[in-house]
Structures are given as structure tokens and as C-alpha cells.
Amino acid sequence: MGEELRLYSYWRSSAAYRVRIGLNLKGLAYEIAPVHLLRDGGEQHSESYRQANPQGLVPVLQHGQRVFRQSLAILEYIDEIWPTPALLPATARERQRVRALAQLIACDVHPLNNLRVMRYFDHTWHVPQSERDEWTRHWIVDGFTAFEAMLVDHPSTGTFCDGNLPTLADCCLVPQIYNARRFGVDLAAFPNIVRIEQACLDLPAFDAARPERQPDAPAT
């Protein structure tokens, strides 16, 4: 599998952030192809980018001549192609738990506060910024409350969401915590989430994936 990897990414996209973490955990070299989600109405809406992803979303992973979409599907793809270190545990029961935690974030929390939702609230319904921010905080807190409950006193919870190695769940959780901090969510009620975040960010793979470390991040 010596074909080059190119990740179409935006520095502050949670979904792209997940995939950057996964690629880094695998120790894979990849090129970042920045897609600015705000410039000129959003480069993701251009005809050329829509050919790569008809949804007009990031990330997209190009592996050789093949193109892959949807962050969780991309993460499972790279886990199957490069199985070590694994992003999913060894048993079906443990894999189900990790997928459930990952999907809680990726399917139930993140879609409610991503850019296209906020722009629709702004441009179509003219919802004030303060109300949009409160919407975002509400759904993050709602999701984190459930996520924390799934971690507390569970025998599979370890240094990370599941055991003592990072998994798909951690790849999804850390970017959502970044969003939570960005919107001023009080994380005091989520000690396990905060503890796991710190354990993740202590690892070079997570640290290198941080939004502010991306080549398309603003200088300030």
C-alpha cells in the first residue's frame, strides 16, 4: 500500500480533525489539501470539489486514485488497511461500545452544530449569534452528559475511552471537546471526558492533529 495519501481538510473541521488523528496514530504520511470552508462562500461548494465529494463536505481522503468520504468510514478503512495499532478493540462487544461512543459524537452531537447548520440559521432564519451559540452549547452538553455516563464506572473505561490505548471513540471525542471549549462550555461536570482529553493530547499523534498546528490555520 505504497500509494500516496492526500487528505482534503479544513483546519477547524471536527470531522477532518478526527481523520488527522487516526492517520497520525497509524504513523502514516499524508499530504494536507486545504479546503477553506468560508472563503468565497466556501471552497467546498466549487464544482471541482463537488466532483470529489458530491455532499460538499470535508474530509475526503484520496488513496492513490481512490477517493473516500465520511470521517468514520475513512477511519474504519485505514484501520482495515493498516491494522496496527488498532483503532477498534479485539472483541465484538468492545467494538460495539467504541462505535457507540464514536457515533454519539459524530452522528448525534456534531451534526447539530456544524458550519452548514449555523449558516442556515444565520442566512435563512436570521437567528442571532447569541442564540446560535446557545444552541451549540445545549447540544454539546446534552451529548457530553450521556457520554460521561457511559464512561463512569464502566469496566472497559481506562486511560482512554476504552482501555489503555486510543480508539475510534477518542478520535471523535477530542475534536468535539475543542468545539466545546471554543463555544465556552463549562466542562466541570465531565471529569472523565476532561481526563481522557488530556491523556490524548499528551500523545504526539493527537498533538500534531490540533487545529492550530495545521498548515491552513490562521497565523493568530
C-alpha atoms as a PDB file:
ATOM      1  CA  MET A   1       0.000   0.000   0.000  1.00  0.00           C
ATOM      2  CA  GLY A   2       2.643   2.479  -1.078  1.00  0.00           C
ATOM      3  CA  GLU A   3       0.196   4.841  -2.805  1.00  0.00           C
ATOM      4  CA  GLU A   4       0.158   8.418  -1.602  1.00  0.00           C
ATOM      5  CA  LEU A   5      -2.436   9.695   0.835  1.00  0.00           C
ATOM      6  CA  ARG A   6      -3.990  13.134   0.457  1.00  0.00           C
ATOM      7  CA  LEU A   7      -6.471  14.499   2.988  1.00  0.00           C
ATOM      8  CA  TYR A   8      -8.812  17.276   1.937  1.00  0.00           C
ATOM      9  CA  SER A   9      -9.167  19.121   5.207  1.00  0.00           C
ATOM     10  CA  TYR A  10     -10.102  22.390   6.896  1.00  0.00           C
ATOM     11  CA  TRP A  11      -8.093  23.295   9.968  1.00  0.00           C
ATOM     12  CA  ARG A  12     -11.121  23.725  12.247  1.00  0.00           C
ATOM     13  CA  SER A  13     -13.333  20.955  10.865  1.00  0.00           C
ATOM     14  CA  SER A  14     -14.104  18.406  13.580  1.00  0.00           C
ATOM     15  CA  ALA A  15     -14.593  15.639  11.058  1.00  0.00           C
ATOM     16  CA  ALA A  16     -11.247  16.328   9.375  1.00  0.00           C
ATOM     17  CA  TYR A  17      -9.614  16.586  12.819  1.00  0.00           C
ATOM     18  CA  ARG A  18     -10.825  13.028  13.593  1.00  0.00           C
ATOM     19  CA  VAL A  19      -9.200  11.661  10.476  1.00  0.00           C
ATOM     20  CA  ARG A  20      -5.939  13.543  11.061  1.00  0.00           C
ATOM     21  CA  ILE A  21      -5.745  11.890  14.491  1.00  0.00           C
ATOM     22  CA  GLY A  22      -6.374   8.448  13.020  1.00  0.00           C
ATOM     23  CA  LEU A  23      -3.765   8.870  10.295  1.00  0.00           C
ATOM     24  CA  ASN A  24      -1.254  10.111  12.862  1.00  0.00           C
ATOM     25  CA  LEU A  25      -1.937   7.197  15.205  1.00  0.00           C
ATOM     26  CA  LYS A  26      -1.170   4.851  12.317  1.00  0.00           C
ATOM     27  CA  GLY A  27       2.076   6.701  11.634  1.00  0.00           C
ATOM     28  CA  LEU A  28       1.023   7.359   8.043  1.00  0.00           C
ATOM     29  CA  ALA A  29       2.492  10.129   5.920  1.00  0.00           C
ATOM     30  CA  TYR A  30      -0.144  12.220   4.159  1.00  0.00           C
ATOM     31  CA  GLU A  31      -0.498  15.494   2.326  1.00  0.00           C
ATOM     32  CA  ILE A  32      -2.983  18.091   3.528  1.00  0.00           C
ATOM     33  CA  ALA A  33      -5.034  19.661   0.731  1.00  0.00           C
ATOM     34  CA  PRO A  34      -6.734  22.650   2.403  1.00  0.00           C
ATOM     35  CA  VAL A  35     -10.369  23.370   1.584  1.00  0.00           C
ATOM     36  CA  HIS A  36     -11.381  26.746   3.016  1.00  0.00           C
ATOM     37  CA  LEU A  37     -14.967  26.412   4.207  1.00  0.00           C
ATOM     38  CA  LEU A  38     -15.577  30.179   4.392  1.00  0.00           C
ATOM     39  CA  ARG A  39     -13.568  31.811   1.598  1.00  0.00           C
ATOM     40  CA  ASP A  40     -15.635  32.910  -1.416  1.00  0.00           C
ATOM     41  CA  GLY A  41     -18.740  31.344   0.040  1.00  0.00           C
ATOM     42  CA  GLY A  42     -16.927  28.087   0.776  1.00  0.00           C
ATOM     43  CA  GLU A  43     -14.479  26.267  -1.481  1.00  0.00           C
ATOM     44  CA  GLN A  44     -16.286  23.016  -0.692  1.00  0.00           C
ATOM     45  CA  HIS A  45     -19.101  24.202  -2.967  1.00  0.00           C
ATOM     46  CA  SER A  46     -16.891  24.549  -6.025  1.00  0.00           C
ATOM     47  CA  GLU A  47     -17.592  22.316  -8.999  1.00  0.00           C
ATOM     48  CA  SER A  48     -14.147  20.742  -8.815  1.00  0.00           C
ATOM     49  CA  TYR A  49     -14.520  19.817  -5.141  1.00  0.00           C
ATOM     50  CA  ARG A  50     -18.051  18.512  -5.652  1.00  0.00           C
ATOM     51  CA  GLN A  51     -16.572  16.005  -8.059  1.00  0.00           C
ATOM     52  CA  ALA A  52     -14.543  14.631  -5.148  1.00  0.00           C
ATOM     53  CA  ASN A  53     -17.443  14.811  -2.705  1.00  0.00           C
ATOM     54  CA  PRO A  54     -20.962  15.500  -4.008  1.00  0.00           C
ATOM     55  CA  GLN A  55     -22.010  16.425  -0.449  1.00  0.00           C
ATOM     56  CA  GLY A  56     -19.607  19.356  -0.434  1.00  0.00           C
ATOM     57  CA  LEU A  57     -18.149  18.364   2.937  1.00  0.00           C
ATOM     58  CA  VAL A  58     -14.726  17.653   4.373  1.00  0.00           C
ATOM     59  CA  PRO A  59     -12.868  15.443   4.869  1.00  0.00           C
ATOM     60  CA  VAL A  60     -12.128  13.462   1.759  1.00  0.00           C
ATOM     61  CA  LEU A  61      -9.254  11.001   1.737  1.00  0.00           C
ATOM     62  CA  GLN A  62      -7.556  10.226  -1.558  1.00  0.00           C
ATOM     63  CA  HIS A  63      -5.532   6.997  -1.506  1.00  0.00           C
ATOM     64  CA  GLY A  64      -3.827   6.665  -4.835  1.00  0.00           C
ATOM     65  CA  GLN A  65      -6.621   7.028  -7.383  1.00  0.00           C
ATOM     66  CA  ARG A  66      -9.393   6.071  -4.970  1.00  0.00           C
ATOM     67  CA  VAL A  67     -11.470   8.624  -3.076  1.00  0.00           C
ATOM     68  CA  PHE A  68     -13.113   8.006   0.299  1.00  0.00           C
ATOM     69  CA  ARG A  69     -15.721  10.072   2.124  1.00  0.00           C
ATOM     70  CA  GLN A  70     -17.315  10.287   5.582  1.00  0.00           C
ATOM     71  CA  SER A  71     -14.925  10.513   8.532  1.00  0.00           C
ATOM     72  CA  LEU A  72     -15.980   7.366  10.404  1.00  0.00           C
ATOM     73  CA  ALA A  73     -15.933   5.300   7.226  1.00  0.00           C
ATOM     74  CA  ILE A  74     -12.484   6.694   6.407  1.00  0.00           C
ATOM     75  CA  LEU A  75     -11.207   5.798   9.881  1.00  0.00           C
ATOM     76  CA  GLU A  76     -12.503   2.246   9.589  1.00  0.00           C
ATOM     77  CA  TYR A  77     -10.958   1.999   6.114  1.00  0.00           C
ATOM     78  CA  ILE A  78      -7.498   2.966   7.313  1.00  0.00           C
ATOM     79  CA  ASP A  79      -7.914   0.628  10.278  1.00  0.00           C
ATOM     80  CA  GLU A  80      -8.583  -2.265   7.919  1.00  0.00           C
ATOM     81  CA  ILE A  81      -5.769  -1.402   5.513  1.00  0.00           C
ATOM     82  CA  TRP A  82      -3.231  -0.633   8.245  1.00  0.00           C
ATOM     83  CA  PRO A  83      -4.424  -2.727  11.223  1.00  0.00           C
ATOM     84  CA  THR A  84      -1.654  -1.779  13.666  1.00  0.00           C
ATOM     85  CA  PRO A  85      -2.140  -0.026  16.006  1.00  0.00           C
ATOM     86  CA  ALA A  86      -5.831  -0.881  16.002  1.00  0.00           C
ATOM     87  CA  LEU A  87      -8.498   1.806  16.294  1.00  0.00           C
ATOM     88  CA  LEU A  88     -11.087  -0.804  17.299  1.00  0.00           C
ATOM     89  CA  PRO A  89     -10.783  -3.388  20.106  1.00  0.00           C
ATOM     90  CA  ALA A  90     -10.432  -7.117  19.620  1.00  0.00           C
ATOM     91  CA  THR A  91     -13.900  -8.375  20.631  1.00  0.00           C
ATOM     92  CA  ALA A  92     -17.299  -7.690  19.094  1.00  0.00           C
ATOM     93  CA  ARG A  93     -18.679  -6.426  22.419  1.00  0.00           C
ATOM     94  CA  GLU A  94     -15.843  -3.938  22.865  1.00  0.00           C
ATOM     95  CA  ARG A  95     -16.026  -2.814  19.242  1.00  0.00           C
ATOM     96  CA  GLN A  96     -19.748  -2.135  19.648  1.00  0.00           C
ATOM     97  CA  ARG A  97     -19.082   0.068  22.671  1.00  0.00           C
ATOM     98  CA  VAL A  98     -16.377   2.049  20.883  1.00  0.00           C
ATOM     99  CA  ARG A  99     -18.572   2.536  17.825  1.00  0.00           C
ATOM    100  CA  ALA A 100     -21.464   3.641  20.042  1.00  0.00           C
ATOM    101  CA  LEU A 101     -19.294   6.262  21.744  1.00  0.00           C
ATOM    102  CA  ALA A 102     -17.893   7.452  18.420  1.00  0.00           C
ATOM    103  CA  GLN A 103     -21.324   7.697  16.814  1.00  0.00           C
ATOM    104  CA  LEU A 104     -22.762   9.537  19.813  1.00  0.00           C
ATOM    105  CA  ILE A 105     -20.381  12.348  18.922  1.00  0.00           C
ATOM    106  CA  ALA A 106     -20.211  12.021  15.138  1.00  0.00           C
ATOM    107  CA  CYS A 107     -23.896  11.320  14.463  1.00  0.00           C
ATOM    108  CA  ASP A 108     -25.813  12.928  17.326  1.00  0.00           C
ATOM    109  CA  VAL A 109     -23.788  15.927  18.585  1.00  0.00           C
ATOM    110  CA  HIS A 110     -21.582  17.243  15.814  1.00  0.00           C
ATOM    111  CA  PRO A 111     -24.195  17.440  13.003  1.00  0.00           C
ATOM    112  CA  LEU A 112     -26.376  19.752  15.111  1.00  0.00           C
ATOM    113  CA  ASN A 113     -23.704  22.419  15.431  1.00  0.00           C
ATOM    114  CA  ASN A 114     -21.547  22.166  12.338  1.00  0.00           C
ATOM    115  CA  LEU A 115     -20.945  25.012   9.914  1.00  0.00           C
ATOM    116  CA  ARG A 116     -23.721  24.354   7.409  1.00  0.00           C
ATOM    117  CA  VAL A 117     -26.358  24.280  10.166  1.00  0.00           C
ATOM    118  CA  MET A 118     -25.074  27.529  11.650  1.00  0.00           C
ATOM    119  CA  ARG A 119     -25.003  29.206   8.246  1.00  0.00           C
ATOM    120  CA  TYR A 120     -28.586  28.128   7.558  1.00  0.00           C
ATOM    121  CA  PHE A 121     -29.671  29.555  10.925  1.00  0.00           C
ATOM    122  CA  ASP A 122     -27.860  32.782  10.058  1.00  0.00           C
ATOM    123  CA  HIS A 123     -28.630  33.303   6.373  1.00  0.00           C
ATOM    124  CA  THR A 124     -32.110  31.766   6.106  1.00  0.00           C
ATOM    125  CA  TRP A 125     -33.692  32.221   9.537  1.00  0.00           C
ATOM    126  CA  HIS A 126     -31.544  35.188  10.687  1.00  0.00           C
ATOM    127  CA  VAL A 127     -31.018  33.661  14.132  1.00  0.00           C
ATOM    128  CA  PRO A 128     -28.858  35.984  16.275  1.00  0.00           C
ATOM    129  CA  GLN A 129     -25.313  34.855  17.084  1.00  0.00           C
ATOM    130  CA  SER A 130     -26.046  34.579  20.796  1.00  0.00           C
ATOM    131  CA  GLU A 131     -28.919  32.158  20.140  1.00  0.00           C
ATOM    132  CA  ARG A 132     -26.836  30.113  17.701  1.00  0.00           C
ATOM    133  CA  ASP A 133     -24.096  29.810  20.322  1.00  0.00           C
ATOM    134  CA  GLU A 134     -26.621  28.750  22.959  1.00  0.00           C
ATOM    135  CA  TRP A 135     -27.975  26.074  20.575  1.00  0.00           C
ATOM    136  CA  THR A 136     -24.442  24.756  20.108  1.00  0.00           C
ATOM    137  CA  ARG A 137     -23.715  24.662  23.843  1.00  0.00           C
ATOM    138  CA  HIS A 138     -27.025  22.957  24.599  1.00  0.00           C
ATOM    139  CA  TRP A 139     -26.412  20.015  22.281  1.00  0.00           C
ATOM    140  CA  ILE A 140     -22.785  19.604  23.298  1.00  0.00           C
ATOM    141  CA  VAL A 141     -23.760  19.477  26.973  1.00  0.00           C
ATOM    142  CA  ASP A 142     -26.606  17.080  26.187  1.00  0.00           C
ATOM    143  CA  GLY A 143     -24.233  14.751  24.338  1.00  0.00           C
ATOM    144  CA  PHE A 144     -21.407  15.029  26.860  1.00  0.00           C
ATOM    145  CA  THR A 145     -23.799  14.228  29.707  1.00  0.00           C
ATOM    146  CA  ALA A 146     -24.630  10.920  28.018  1.00  0.00           C
ATOM    147  CA  PHE A 147     -21.005  10.289  27.038  1.00  0.00           C
ATOM    148  CA  GLU A 148     -19.785  10.859  30.608  1.00  0.00           C
ATOM    149  CA  ALA A 149     -22.438   8.479  31.930  1.00  0.00           C
ATOM    150  CA  MET A 150     -21.205   5.819  29.514  1.00  0.00           C
ATOM    151  CA  LEU A 151     -17.674   6.228  30.868  1.00  0.00           C
ATOM    152  CA  VAL A 152     -18.339   6.391  34.605  1.00  0.00           C
ATOM    153  CA  ASP A 153     -17.584   3.136  36.440  1.00  0.00           C
ATOM    154  CA  HIS A 154     -17.617   1.131  33.218  1.00  0.00           C
ATOM    155  CA  PRO A 155     -15.115  -1.737  33.388  1.00  0.00           C
ATOM    156  CA  SER A 156     -13.839  -1.001  29.874  1.00  0.00           C
ATOM    157  CA  THR A 157     -13.024   2.652  30.583  1.00  0.00           C
ATOM    158  CA  GLY A 158      -9.301   3.057  31.084  1.00  0.00           C
ATOM    159  CA  THR A 159      -6.757   5.741  30.363  1.00  0.00           C
ATOM    160  CA  PHE A 160      -8.779   6.335  27.205  1.00  0.00           C
ATOM    161  CA  CYS A 161     -12.437   5.835  26.330  1.00  0.00           C
ATOM    162  CA  ASP A 162     -11.952   2.096  26.037  1.00  0.00           C
ATOM    163  CA  GLY A 163      -8.923   0.569  27.684  1.00  0.00           C
ATOM    164  CA  ASN A 164      -5.402   1.941  27.718  1.00  0.00           C
ATOM    165  CA  LEU A 165      -4.935   2.609  24.015  1.00  0.00           C
ATOM    166  CA  PRO A 166      -6.730   5.295  21.974  1.00  0.00           C
ATOM    167  CA  THR A 167      -9.554   4.123  19.742  1.00  0.00           C
ATOM    168  CA  LEU A 168     -12.073   5.456  17.259  1.00  0.00           C
ATOM    169  CA  ALA A 169     -14.004   6.914  20.207  1.00  0.00           C
ATOM    170  CA  ASP A 170     -11.075   9.095  21.287  1.00  0.00           C
ATOM    171  CA  CYS A 171     -10.578  10.253  17.687  1.00  0.00           C
ATOM    172  CA  CYS A 172     -14.137  11.608  17.785  1.00  0.00           C
ATOM    173  CA  LEU A 173     -14.200  12.903  21.349  1.00  0.00           C
ATOM    174  CA  VAL A 174     -11.153  15.185  21.280  1.00  0.00           C
ATOM    175  CA  PRO A 175     -12.312  17.353  18.345  1.00  0.00           C
ATOM    176  CA  GLN A 176     -15.714  17.780  19.985  1.00  0.00           C
ATOM    177  CA  ILE A 177     -14.046  18.959  23.188  1.00  0.00           C
ATOM    178  CA  TYR A 178     -12.163  21.504  21.090  1.00  0.00           C
ATOM    179  CA  ASN A 179     -15.548  22.767  19.876  1.00  0.00           C
ATOM    180  CA  ALA A 180     -16.922  22.780  23.404  1.00  0.00           C
ATOM    181  CA  ARG A 181     -14.079  24.980  24.616  1.00  0.00           C
ATOM    182  CA  ARG A 182     -14.451  27.239  21.601  1.00  0.00           C
ATOM    183  CA  PHE A 183     -18.101  27.893  22.482  1.00  0.00           C
ATOM    184  CA  GLY A 184     -17.476  28.319  26.203  1.00  0.00           C
ATOM    185  CA  VAL A 185     -18.998  25.073  27.505  1.00  0.00           C
ATOM    186  CA  ASP A 186     -18.303  24.518  31.203  1.00  0.00           C
ATOM    187  CA  LEU A 187     -16.650  21.093  31.352  1.00  0.00           C
ATOM    188  CA  ALA A 188     -16.593  20.796  35.151  1.00  0.00           C
ATOM    189  CA  ALA A 189     -19.420  18.235  35.097  1.00  0.00           C
ATOM    190  CA  PHE A 190     -17.421  15.911  32.823  1.00  0.00           C
ATOM    191  CA  PRO A 191     -14.280  14.839  34.714  1.00  0.00           C
ATOM    192  CA  ASN A 192     -13.755  11.612  32.779  1.00  0.00           C
ATOM    193  CA  ILE A 193     -14.050  13.404  29.455  1.00  0.00           C
ATOM    194  CA  VAL A 194     -11.525  16.045  30.536  1.00  0.00           C
ATOM    195  CA  ARG A 195      -9.136  13.406  31.934  1.00  0.00           C
ATOM    196  CA  ILE A 196      -9.260  11.407  28.694  1.00  0.00           C
ATOM    197  CA  GLU A 197      -8.740  14.546  26.615  1.00  0.00           C
ATOM    198  CA  GLN A 198      -5.523  15.303  28.482  1.00  0.00           C
ATOM    199  CA  ALA A 199      -4.271  11.727  28.075  1.00  0.00           C
ATOM    200  CA  CYS A 200      -4.940  12.006  24.342  1.00  0.00           C
ATOM    201  CA  LEU A 201      -3.311  15.398  23.875  1.00  0.00           C
ATOM    202  CA  ASP A 202      -0.192  14.125  25.638  1.00  0.00           C
ATOM    203  CA  LEU A 203       0.315  11.809  22.657  1.00  0.00           C
ATOM    204  CA  PRO A 204       2.183  13.220  19.627  1.00  0.00           C
ATOM    205  CA  ALA A 205      -0.467  11.874  17.221  1.00  0.00           C
ATOM    206  CA  PHE A 206      -3.192  13.961  18.850  1.00  0.00           C
ATOM    207  CA  ASP A 207      -0.964  16.967  19.431  1.00  0.00           C
ATOM    208  CA  ALA A 208       0.063  17.133  15.760  1.00  0.00           C
ATOM    209  CA  ALA A 209      -3.593  16.979  14.682  1.00  0.00           C
ATOM    210  CA  ARG A 210      -4.618  20.061  16.685  1.00  0.00           C
ATOM    211  CA  PRO A 211      -6.350  22.710  14.555  1.00  0.00           C
ATOM    212  CA  GLU A 212      -3.804  25.402  15.355  1.00  0.00           C
ATOM    213  CA  ARG A 213      -0.977  23.170  14.067  1.00  0.00           C
ATOM    214  CA  GLN A 214      -2.461  22.761  10.585  1.00  0.00           C
ATOM    215  CA  PRO A 215      -0.865  24.416   7.541  1.00  0.00           C
ATOM    216  CA  ASP A 216      -4.079  26.305   6.733  1.00  0.00           C
ATOM    217  CA  ALA A 217      -4.621  27.625  10.270  1.00  0.00           C
ATOM    218  CA  PRO A 218      -4.535  31.416  10.624  1.00  0.00           C
ATOM    219  CA  ALA A 219      -1.309  32.895  11.909  1.00  0.00           C
ATOM    220  CA  THR A 220      -3.048  34.198  15.021  1.00  0.00           C
END
